[in-house]
Amino acid sequence: MSTRGGLAARSSVAWAVVGLALLAGCGSEESNILDDTPPSTTAAPTADEEAVIEQYERYWEIRIQGQSAGELPANALDGVAVGAALEGQYAVIAQNQQSGLRRVGEPTLTDFSADVDGDTATAFVCVDDSEWGAEVNGEPVEQPPGGLSAHAATLERQGDTWLVTAAVDDETILAEKKC
């Protein structure tokens, strides 16, 4: 083995290490040669998607307030929900009142999103209801274990306003939302 060859081999290894170090330091947050994670393709929400998400957030706020208070004023969902979504919330409140049930605590709502197609939309949210308990006539009720689940609703544009029209119970659609 010659010294020259050994030096050349050691020199090649050294340059390879330096090259890898330089490559690791190069790149940006969008692109890293050593990172095999694909770049994010999530686009910023459109104005319509933002409006749908805001309306769906408002719907959930009212829903939580109503179930926590044990009542929902007659006009609470005006300009927010119509049809089955409106009727469904008042039915839940009426059923809770008959049984003396009131929700306590609050669910955690995350990852609101929307798919808009013309004047119709589907809004999604991840709901963790593990901190949203219940009581009947002031006594805590044993709840099934809560957890994270997807919820969705359809919305329709009426004039300049998006209105929640119905809850989505289709498991195929709900499976699209990864919570």
Foldseek 3Di string as FASTA:
>chain_A
DDPVVVVVVVVVVVVVVVVVVVLQVDDDPQDRPVDPDHGDPDDDDDPVFVQVLVLVVLLLVQLLVCLQVLHHPPCSCPLRADAASSVVSRVVSVVCVVQQKGKDFDWDKDDWTWDDDPFKIKIKIKTFCQGIFMDHPPHGDDDDHTGIFMWMFMWGDDPNGIYTYGTDPDVVVRVVDDD
